[in-house]
Amino acid sequence: MNWPRLIGSIAACQAAGGVGAIATSDGLKDWYPSLRKPSFNPPGSVFGPVWTTLYLLMGTAEYIVSQYDGDEAVKRRAQSLFALQLGMNVGWSFLFFKLKSPLAALIELIALLGAIIATIAAFARISRLAAALLIPYLLWSTFAAILNASIWRLNR
């Protein structure tokens, strides 16, 4: 076990979450509370613990892939897809909360779902466990897309 590398992988994902949280903070003060939301919108207190857990799982999955000593091109592709989806994850926060554009965020989130699926497929070529660790993220992001679409529809 390469503990520094594991901690670094998890910290990188948590840092991405922190950047997203910074983008989210202004919108949470005035704009988001004023929006109409569907009945299934979770309370705000749910999002922090869920995302912290998801970033922990994502970082662990990335660590597992980083330790792969097989085909370097396969590993690079998997890590590139991971980096892409992580950047898109942060981008959603900017589109939704900073730019206050649920439609742009929804479009980006649909693309993000594709990137997550591609990452899971690439990780599965290296480690079934690494791929499985991303399934909760895919499920939560799918729920987020449904929630985002509902908020957009209710507020257009």
Protein backbone atom coordinates (compact mmCIF):
# COMPACT_ATOMS: atom_id res chain seq x y z
CA MET A 1 0.00 0.00 0.00
CA ASN A 2 1.43 3.35 -1.06
CA TRP A 3 -0.17 5.50 1.63
CA PRO A 4 1.13 8.88 0.37
CA ARG A 5 -0.23 8.13 -3.12
CA LEU A 6 -3.61 6.98 -1.70
CA ILE A 7 -3.89 10.10 0.45
CA GLY A 8 -2.88 12.25 -2.52
CA SER A 9 -5.55 10.69 -4.76
CA ILE A 10 -8.24 11.22 -2.15
CA ALA A 11 -7.02 14.75 -1.37
CA ALA A 12 -7.09 15.69 -5.07
CA CYS A 13 -10.72 14.62 -5.32
CA GLN A 14 -11.64 16.39 -2.09
CA ALA A 15 -9.86 19.52 -3.36
CA ALA A 16 -11.94 19.40 -6.55
CA GLY A 17 -14.99 19.23 -4.31
CA GLY A 18 -13.69 22.22 -2.39
CA VAL A 19 -13.34 24.26 -5.58
CA GLY A 20 -16.90 23.30 -6.50
CA ALA A 21 -18.07 24.31 -3.03
CA ILE A 22 -16.47 27.74 -3.44
CA ALA A 23 -18.37 28.20 -6.71
CA THR A 24 -21.54 27.04 -4.99
CA SER A 25 -21.37 29.25 -1.91
CA ASP A 26 -22.62 32.55 -3.41
CA GLY A 27 -25.54 30.92 -5.20
CA LEU A 28 -26.62 29.14 -2.03
CA LYS A 29 -27.09 32.41 -0.19
CA ASP A 30 -29.80 34.11 -2.23
CA TRP A 31 -30.40 32.56 -5.62
CA TYR A 32 -30.85 28.83 -4.90
CA PRO A 33 -33.24 29.34 -1.96
CA SER A 34 -35.47 31.43 -4.23
CA LEU A 35 -35.87 28.66 -6.82
CA ARG A 36 -38.86 26.37 -6.99
CA LYS A 37 -37.72 22.80 -6.31
CA PRO A 38 -39.35 19.39 -6.73
CA SER A 39 -40.70 17.53 -3.72
CA PHE A 40 -37.79 15.07 -3.84
CA ASN A 41 -35.14 17.79 -3.40
CA PRO A 42 -32.96 16.62 -0.47
CA PRO A 43 -32.28 18.96 2.44
CA GLY A 44 -29.10 20.96 2.06
CA SER A 45 -27.44 19.07 4.91
CA VAL A 46 -27.35 15.91 2.77
CA PHE A 47 -25.08 17.22 0.02
CA GLY A 48 -21.87 17.75 2.01
CA PRO A 49 -21.67 14.25 3.52
CA VAL A 50 -22.72 12.58 0.27
CA TRP A 51 -20.12 14.41 -1.81
CA THR A 52 -17.39 13.91 0.79
CA THR A 53 -18.06 10.17 0.67
CA LEU A 54 -18.22 10.11 -3.13
CA TYR A 55 -14.91 11.97 -3.44
CA LEU A 56 -13.36 9.48 -1.00
CA LEU A 57 -14.56 6.57 -3.17
CA MET A 58 -13.42 8.32 -6.35
CA GLY A 59 -9.97 8.99 -4.92
CA THR A 60 -9.65 5.40 -3.80
CA ALA A 61 -10.64 4.19 -7.27
CA GLU A 62 -8.10 6.48 -8.89
CA TYR A 63 -5.44 5.22 -6.50
CA ILE A 64 -6.16 1.60 -7.46
CA VAL A 65 -5.80 2.49 -11.13
CA SER A 66 -2.59 4.43 -10.44
CA GLN A 67 -1.02 1.25 -9.05
CA TYR A 68 -1.69 -0.74 -12.23
CA ASP A 69 1.53 -2.04 -13.72
CA GLY A 70 0.13 -3.38 -16.98
CA ASP A 71 -0.35 -1.62 -20.31
CA GLU A 72 0.66 2.00 -19.73
CA ALA A 73 -1.63 3.29 -22.53
CA VAL A 74 -4.65 1.65 -20.88
CA LYS A 75 -3.71 3.23 -17.56
CA ARG A 76 -3.15 6.69 -19.12
CA ARG A 77 -6.50 6.55 -20.91
CA ALA A 78 -8.30 5.60 -17.69
CA GLN A 79 -6.59 8.37 -15.75
CA SER A 80 -7.28 10.91 -18.51
CA LEU A 81 -10.97 10.05 -18.47
CA PHE A 82 -10.96 10.32 -14.69
CA ALA A 83 -9.38 13.77 -14.86
CA LEU A 84 -11.90 14.84 -17.52
CA GLN A 85 -14.92 13.79 -15.49
CA LEU A 86 -13.48 15.35 -12.32
CA GLY A 87 -13.02 18.66 -14.13
CA MET A 88 -16.54 18.43 -15.51
CA ASN A 89 -17.80 17.72 -11.99
CA VAL A 90 -16.32 21.02 -10.81
CA GLY A 91 -17.60 22.77 -13.93
CA TRP A 92 -21.20 21.86 -13.10
CA SER A 93 -21.00 23.88 -9.87
CA PHE A 94 -19.84 26.95 -11.78
CA LEU A 95 -22.57 26.63 -14.40
CA PHE A 96 -25.40 25.99 -11.97
CA PHE A 97 -24.51 28.17 -8.99
CA LYS A 98 -22.03 30.79 -10.23
CA LEU A 99 -23.63 31.44 -13.64
CA LYS A 100 -27.09 30.57 -12.30
CA SER A 101 -27.87 28.55 -15.40
CA PRO A 102 -29.72 25.31 -14.65
CA LEU A 103 -30.06 24.61 -18.40
CA ALA A 104 -26.33 24.94 -19.13
CA ALA A 105 -25.59 22.87 -16.03
CA LEU A 106 -28.04 20.19 -17.16
CA ILE A 107 -26.45 19.96 -20.60
CA GLU A 108 -23.01 19.69 -18.99
CA LEU A 109 -24.30 17.11 -16.50
CA ILE A 110 -25.58 14.89 -19.30
CA ALA A 111 -22.10 15.02 -20.85
CA LEU A 112 -20.62 14.34 -17.39
CA LEU A 113 -22.72 11.19 -17.09
CA GLY A 114 -21.18 9.99 -20.35
CA ALA A 115 -17.71 10.77 -19.03
CA ILE A 116 -18.41 8.89 -15.79
CA ILE A 117 -19.63 5.85 -17.73
CA ALA A 118 -16.53 5.99 -19.96
CA THR A 119 -14.33 6.23 -16.86
CA ILE A 120 -16.05 3.25 -15.25
CA ALA A 121 -15.53 1.23 -18.43
CA ALA A 122 -11.85 2.23 -18.60
CA PHE A 123 -11.34 1.47 -14.90
CA ALA A 124 -13.02 -1.93 -15.35
CA ARG A 125 -10.28 -2.90 -17.82
CA ILE A 126 -7.82 -2.42 -14.95
CA SER A 127 -9.77 -3.25 -11.79
CA ARG A 128 -13.34 -4.32 -11.19
CA LEU A 129 -13.08 -2.86 -7.69
CA ALA A 130 -11.99 0.55 -9.00
CA ALA A 131 -14.92 0.52 -11.44
CA ALA A 132 -17.35 -0.55 -8.71
CA LEU A 133 -16.20 2.27 -6.44
CA LEU A 134 -17.49 4.75 -9.05
CA ILE A 135 -21.01 3.27 -9.24
CA PRO A 136 -22.37 5.30 -6.28
CA TYR A 137 -21.03 8.44 -8.01
CA LEU A 138 -22.82 7.49 -11.23
CA LEU A 139 -26.06 6.83 -9.33
CA TRP A 140 -25.88 10.11 -7.39
CA SER A 141 -25.00 12.04 -10.56
CA THR A 142 -27.98 10.46 -12.33
CA PHE A 143 -30.18 11.60 -9.45
CA ALA A 144 -28.55 15.04 -9.69
CA ALA A 145 -29.43 15.19 -13.40
CA ILE A 146 -33.07 14.40 -12.63
CA LEU A 147 -33.09 17.02 -9.88
CA ASN A 148 -31.33 19.58 -12.12
CA ALA A 149 -33.83 18.93 -14.94
CA SER A 150 -36.74 19.35 -12.54
CA ILE A 151 -35.39 22.62 -11.17
CA TRP A 152 -34.83 23.93 -14.68
CA ARG A 153 -38.37 22.93 -15.72
CA LEU A 154 -39.97 24.48 -12.62
CA ASN A 155 -38.11 27.80 -13.00
CA ARG A 156 -38.02 28.55 -16.72
